[in-house]
Amino acid sequence: MKALLTALLAGVLSVVTPSFAVQGEPLLVAQAKTEPIDINRAKAEELMTLKGIGDARAAAIIKGRPYARKDELVQKKIIPESVYNDIKDKIIAKQ
């Protein structure tokens, strides 16, 4: 009886549990790495995809261009340091 229940459970789990791995290839779970947003060239819509950046902050970032370094966003008091800390790995300031 136990063997029958085990077989039944294994059959149900094989139908319910999705299998995404292709034989011989590892299952890639990590999210694809995206390119950093250039604060000197990005449109407002692109800047607003960053955590803590809404309409007003996006407009202030655009108005304060150009930036030699991304940390100028804090130095020029365009965004608070707490917001900068959340987005600093997602932005760059290309010359």
N, C-alpha and C. Protein backbone atom coordinates (compact mmCIF):
# COMPACT_ATOMS: atom_id res chain seq x y z
N MET A 1 0.83 -1.19 0.00
CA MET A 1 0.00 0.00 0.00
C MET A 1 0.88 1.26 0.00
N LYS A 2 1.95 1.26 0.81
CA LYS A 2 2.84 2.40 0.88
C LYS A 2 3.50 2.65 -0.47
N ALA A 3 3.90 1.61 -1.16
CA ALA A 3 4.53 1.74 -2.47
C ALA A 3 3.56 2.34 -3.48
N LEU A 4 2.29 1.95 -3.39
CA LEU A 4 1.28 2.49 -4.29
C LEU A 4 1.07 3.98 -4.04
N LEU A 5 1.02 4.39 -2.76
CA LEU A 5 0.85 5.81 -2.43
C LEU A 5 2.06 6.62 -2.89
N THR A 6 3.25 6.07 -2.71
CA THR A 6 4.47 6.75 -3.13
C THR A 6 4.48 6.94 -4.65
N ALA A 7 4.11 5.91 -5.39
CA ALA A 7 4.06 6.00 -6.84
C ALA A 7 3.01 7.01 -7.29
N LEU A 8 1.85 6.99 -6.64
CA LEU A 8 0.79 7.92 -6.97
C LEU A 8 1.22 9.36 -6.71
N LEU A 9 1.84 9.60 -5.56
CA LEU A 9 2.32 10.93 -5.21
C LEU A 9 3.38 11.40 -6.20
N ALA A 10 4.29 10.54 -6.57
CA ALA A 10 5.34 10.89 -7.54
C ALA A 10 4.72 11.25 -8.89
N GLY A 11 3.70 10.54 -9.28
CA GLY A 11 3.02 10.83 -10.54
C GLY A 11 2.32 12.18 -10.51
N VAL A 12 1.66 12.48 -9.41
CA VAL A 12 0.97 13.76 -9.26
C VAL A 12 1.98 14.90 -9.26
N LEU A 13 3.07 14.75 -8.52
CA LEU A 13 4.07 15.80 -8.45
C LEU A 13 4.74 16.05 -9.80
N SER A 14 4.91 15.03 -10.59
CA SER A 14 5.54 15.22 -11.90
C SER A 14 4.64 16.02 -12.84
N VAL A 15 3.34 15.95 -12.62
CA VAL A 15 2.39 16.71 -13.43
C VAL A 15 2.25 18.13 -12.89
N VAL A 16 2.25 18.28 -11.57
CA VAL A 16 2.03 19.58 -10.93
C VAL A 16 3.28 20.43 -10.93
N THR A 17 4.44 19.84 -10.72
CA THR A 17 5.68 20.58 -10.62
C THR A 17 6.24 20.84 -12.01
N PRO A 18 6.35 22.11 -12.42
CA PRO A 18 6.89 22.39 -13.75
C PRO A 18 8.38 22.12 -13.82
N SER A 19 8.84 21.70 -14.95
CA SER A 19 10.25 21.46 -15.17
C SER A 19 10.71 22.38 -16.29
N PHE A 20 11.61 23.32 -15.95
CA PHE A 20 12.05 24.30 -16.92
C PHE A 20 13.46 24.02 -17.44
N ALA A 21 14.18 23.14 -16.82
CA ALA A 21 15.56 22.88 -17.23
C ALA A 21 15.57 22.02 -18.48
N VAL A 22 16.45 22.34 -19.40
CA VAL A 22 16.66 21.53 -20.59
C VAL A 22 17.75 20.54 -20.23
N GLN A 23 17.59 19.31 -20.69
CA GLN A 23 18.56 18.28 -20.33
C GLN A 23 19.96 18.73 -20.73
N GLY A 24 20.88 18.66 -19.76
CA GLY A 24 22.27 19.00 -20.00
C GLY A 24 22.59 20.48 -19.81
N GLU A 25 21.56 21.32 -19.58
CA GLU A 25 21.79 22.74 -19.39
C GLU A 25 21.31 23.14 -18.00
N PRO A 26 22.06 23.99 -17.32
CA PRO A 26 21.63 24.41 -15.98
C PRO A 26 20.41 25.33 -16.05
N LEU A 27 19.60 25.26 -15.04
CA LEU A 27 18.43 26.11 -14.93
C LEU A 27 18.89 27.50 -14.49
N LEU A 28 18.62 28.50 -15.30
CA LEU A 28 19.03 29.86 -14.99
C LEU A 28 17.90 30.57 -14.26
N VAL A 29 18.14 30.87 -13.00
CA VAL A 29 17.12 31.48 -12.17
C VAL A 29 17.38 32.97 -12.01
N ALA A 30 18.63 33.38 -12.09
CA ALA A 30 18.99 34.78 -11.87
C ALA A 30 18.39 35.67 -12.94
N GLN A 31 18.00 36.86 -12.53
CA GLN A 31 17.44 37.83 -13.45
C GLN A 31 18.55 38.37 -14.34
N ALA A 32 18.21 38.62 -15.58
CA ALA A 32 19.20 39.15 -16.52
C ALA A 32 19.69 40.51 -16.04
N LYS A 33 20.99 40.72 -16.13
CA LYS A 33 21.56 41.98 -15.69
C LYS A 33 21.26 43.04 -16.74
N THR A 34 20.78 44.19 -16.28
CA THR A 34 20.46 45.27 -17.18
C THR A 34 21.57 46.31 -17.16
N GLU A 35 21.65 47.07 -18.24
CA GLU A 35 22.65 48.13 -18.33
C GLU A 35 22.27 49.26 -17.37
N PRO A 36 23.27 49.91 -16.78
CA PRO A 36 22.97 51.05 -15.91
C PRO A 36 22.38 52.21 -16.71
N ILE A 37 21.59 53.03 -16.05
CA ILE A 37 20.96 54.18 -16.68
C ILE A 37 21.92 55.36 -16.60
N ASP A 38 22.16 55.99 -17.74
CA ASP A 38 23.04 57.15 -17.80
C ASP A 38 22.25 58.39 -17.42
N ILE A 39 22.57 58.98 -16.28
CA ILE A 39 21.82 60.13 -15.79
C ILE A 39 22.03 61.37 -16.64
N ASN A 40 23.04 61.37 -17.52
CA ASN A 40 23.28 62.50 -18.42
C ASN A 40 22.49 62.41 -19.72
N ARG A 41 21.92 61.26 -20.01
CA ARG A 41 21.23 61.08 -21.29
C ARG A 41 19.82 60.50 -21.18
N ALA A 42 19.47 59.92 -20.07
CA ALA A 42 18.20 59.21 -19.93
C ALA A 42 17.01 60.16 -19.99
N LYS A 43 15.93 59.68 -20.58
CA LYS A 43 14.67 60.41 -20.60
C LYS A 43 14.01 60.29 -19.23
N ALA A 44 13.07 61.16 -18.96
CA ALA A 44 12.37 61.16 -17.67
C ALA A 44 11.72 59.81 -17.39
N GLU A 45 11.11 59.21 -18.40
CA GLU A 45 10.44 57.92 -18.22
C GLU A 45 11.42 56.84 -17.76
N GLU A 46 12.61 56.88 -18.31
CA GLU A 46 13.63 55.89 -17.93
C GLU A 46 14.11 56.14 -16.51
N LEU A 47 14.32 57.39 -16.14
CA LEU A 47 14.74 57.73 -14.78
C LEU A 47 13.68 57.31 -13.76
N MET A 48 12.42 57.43 -14.14
CA MET A 48 11.34 57.09 -13.21
C MET A 48 11.19 55.59 -12.97
N THR A 49 11.94 54.78 -13.68
CA THR A 49 11.94 53.35 -13.39
C THR A 49 12.78 53.02 -12.16
N LEU A 50 13.56 54.00 -11.72
CA LEU A 50 14.42 53.83 -10.55
C LEU A 50 13.63 54.05 -9.27
N LYS A 51 13.93 53.28 -8.25
CA LYS A 51 13.25 53.38 -6.97
C LYS A 51 13.45 54.78 -6.37
N GLY A 52 12.35 55.43 -6.02
CA GLY A 52 12.41 56.74 -5.38
C GLY A 52 12.47 57.91 -6.33
N ILE A 53 12.44 57.64 -7.64
CA ILE A 53 12.48 58.72 -8.63
C ILE A 53 11.11 58.82 -9.29
N GLY A 54 10.45 59.95 -9.04
CA GLY A 54 9.16 60.23 -9.67
C GLY A 54 9.31 61.38 -10.65
N ASP A 55 8.17 61.99 -11.00
CA ASP A 55 8.18 63.09 -11.98
C ASP A 55 9.10 64.23 -11.56
N ALA A 56 8.95 64.70 -10.33
CA ALA A 56 9.70 65.87 -9.87
C ALA A 56 11.20 65.59 -9.82
N ARG A 57 11.58 64.44 -9.30
CA ARG A 57 13.02 64.13 -9.21
C ARG A 57 13.62 63.87 -10.59
N ALA A 58 12.86 63.24 -11.47
CA ALA A 58 13.36 63.02 -12.83
C ALA A 58 13.60 64.36 -13.51
N ALA A 59 12.66 65.29 -13.35
CA ALA A 59 12.81 66.62 -13.93
C ALA A 59 14.01 67.35 -13.34
N ALA A 60 14.23 67.21 -12.04
CA ALA A 60 15.37 67.86 -11.38
C ALA A 60 16.69 67.26 -11.86
N ILE A 61 16.72 65.95 -12.08
CA ILE A 61 17.94 65.30 -12.59
C ILE A 61 18.26 65.83 -13.98
N ILE A 62 17.25 65.93 -14.82
CA ILE A 62 17.44 66.42 -16.18
C ILE A 62 17.89 67.88 -16.16
N LYS A 63 17.27 68.68 -15.34
CA LYS A 63 17.61 70.11 -15.25
C LYS A 63 19.05 70.33 -14.75
N GLY A 64 19.55 69.45 -13.89
CA GLY A 64 20.88 69.61 -13.30
C GLY A 64 22.03 69.10 -14.14
N ARG A 65 21.75 68.60 -15.34
CA ARG A 65 22.79 68.06 -16.21
C ARG A 65 23.74 69.14 -16.67
N PRO A 66 24.98 68.79 -17.00
CA PRO A 66 25.61 67.46 -16.97
C PRO A 66 26.21 67.16 -15.61
N TYR A 67 26.43 65.87 -15.37
CA TYR A 67 27.05 65.39 -14.14
C TYR A 67 28.38 64.75 -14.49
N ALA A 68 29.43 65.11 -13.75
CA ALA A 68 30.73 64.48 -13.95
C ALA A 68 30.76 63.13 -13.24
N ARG A 69 30.06 63.03 -12.12
CA ARG A 69 29.98 61.79 -11.34
C ARG A 69 28.55 61.61 -10.86
N LYS A 70 28.15 60.37 -10.70
CA LYS A 70 26.78 60.11 -10.29
C LYS A 70 26.48 60.59 -8.87
N ASP A 71 27.49 60.68 -8.01
CA ASP A 71 27.24 61.12 -6.63
C ASP A 71 26.92 62.62 -6.54
N GLU A 72 27.05 63.32 -7.67
CA GLU A 72 26.67 64.73 -7.69
C GLU A 72 25.17 64.91 -7.48
N LEU A 73 24.40 63.87 -7.70
CA LEU A 73 22.96 63.94 -7.43
C LEU A 73 22.71 64.28 -5.97
N VAL A 74 23.54 63.76 -5.09
CA VAL A 74 23.41 64.06 -3.66
C VAL A 74 24.09 65.38 -3.34
N GLN A 75 25.27 65.59 -3.88
CA GLN A 75 26.02 66.83 -3.60
C GLN A 75 25.25 68.07 -4.02
N LYS A 76 24.54 67.99 -5.15
CA LYS A 76 23.74 69.11 -5.63
C LYS A 76 22.34 69.15 -5.02
N LYS A 77 22.09 68.23 -4.08
CA LYS A 77 20.81 68.13 -3.36
C LYS A 77 19.63 67.89 -4.29
N ILE A 78 19.85 67.09 -5.32
CA ILE A 78 18.78 66.73 -6.25
C ILE A 78 17.98 65.56 -5.70
N ILE A 79 18.68 64.62 -5.07
CA ILE A 79 18.01 63.50 -4.39
C ILE A 79 18.67 63.31 -3.03
N PRO A 80 17.92 62.76 -2.07
CA PRO A 80 18.53 62.49 -0.76
C PRO A 80 19.46 61.28 -0.84
N GLU A 81 20.35 61.21 0.12
CA GLU A 81 21.33 60.12 0.15
C GLU A 81 20.67 58.74 0.23
N SER A 82 19.54 58.65 0.93
CA SER A 82 18.85 57.36 1.06
C SER A 82 18.37 56.86 -0.31
N VAL A 83 17.88 57.75 -1.15
CA VAL A 83 17.45 57.36 -2.49
C VAL A 83 18.68 57.00 -3.33
N TYR A 84 19.73 57.80 -3.22
CA TYR A 84 20.96 57.52 -3.96
C TYR A 84 21.51 56.13 -3.61
N ASN A 85 21.49 55.78 -2.33
CA ASN A 85 21.99 54.48 -1.91
C ASN A 85 21.19 53.34 -2.53
N ASP A 86 19.91 53.57 -2.78
CA ASP A 86 19.07 52.53 -3.41
C ASP A 86 19.34 52.38 -4.90
N ILE A 87 19.80 53.45 -5.56
CA ILE A 87 19.93 53.42 -7.02
C ILE A 87 21.37 53.50 -7.53
N LYS A 88 22.32 53.73 -6.67
CA LYS A 88 23.69 53.99 -7.13
C LYS A 88 24.30 52.89 -7.98
N ASP A 89 23.86 51.65 -7.77
CA ASP A 89 24.38 50.54 -8.57
C ASP A 89 23.66 50.40 -9.91
N LYS A 90 22.63 51.23 -10.12
CA LYS A 90 21.83 51.14 -11.33
C LYS A 90 22.02 52.34 -12.25
N ILE A 91 22.89 53.28 -11.85
CA ILE A 91 23.10 54.49 -12.65
C ILE A 91 24.58 54.72 -12.94
N ILE A 92 24.83 55.49 -13.99
CA ILE A 92 26.18 55.95 -14.33
C ILE A 92 26.07 57.38 -14.83
N ALA A 93 27.19 58.07 -14.90
CA ALA A 93 27.24 59.43 -15.45
C ALA A 93 28.34 59.45 -16.51
N LYS A 94 27.96 59.10 -17.74
CA LYS A 94 28.92 59.13 -18.85
C LYS A 94 29.17 60.57 -19.27
N GLN A 95 30.38 60.84 -19.69
CA GLN A 95 30.74 62.18 -20.17
C GLN A 95 30.54 62.29 -21.66
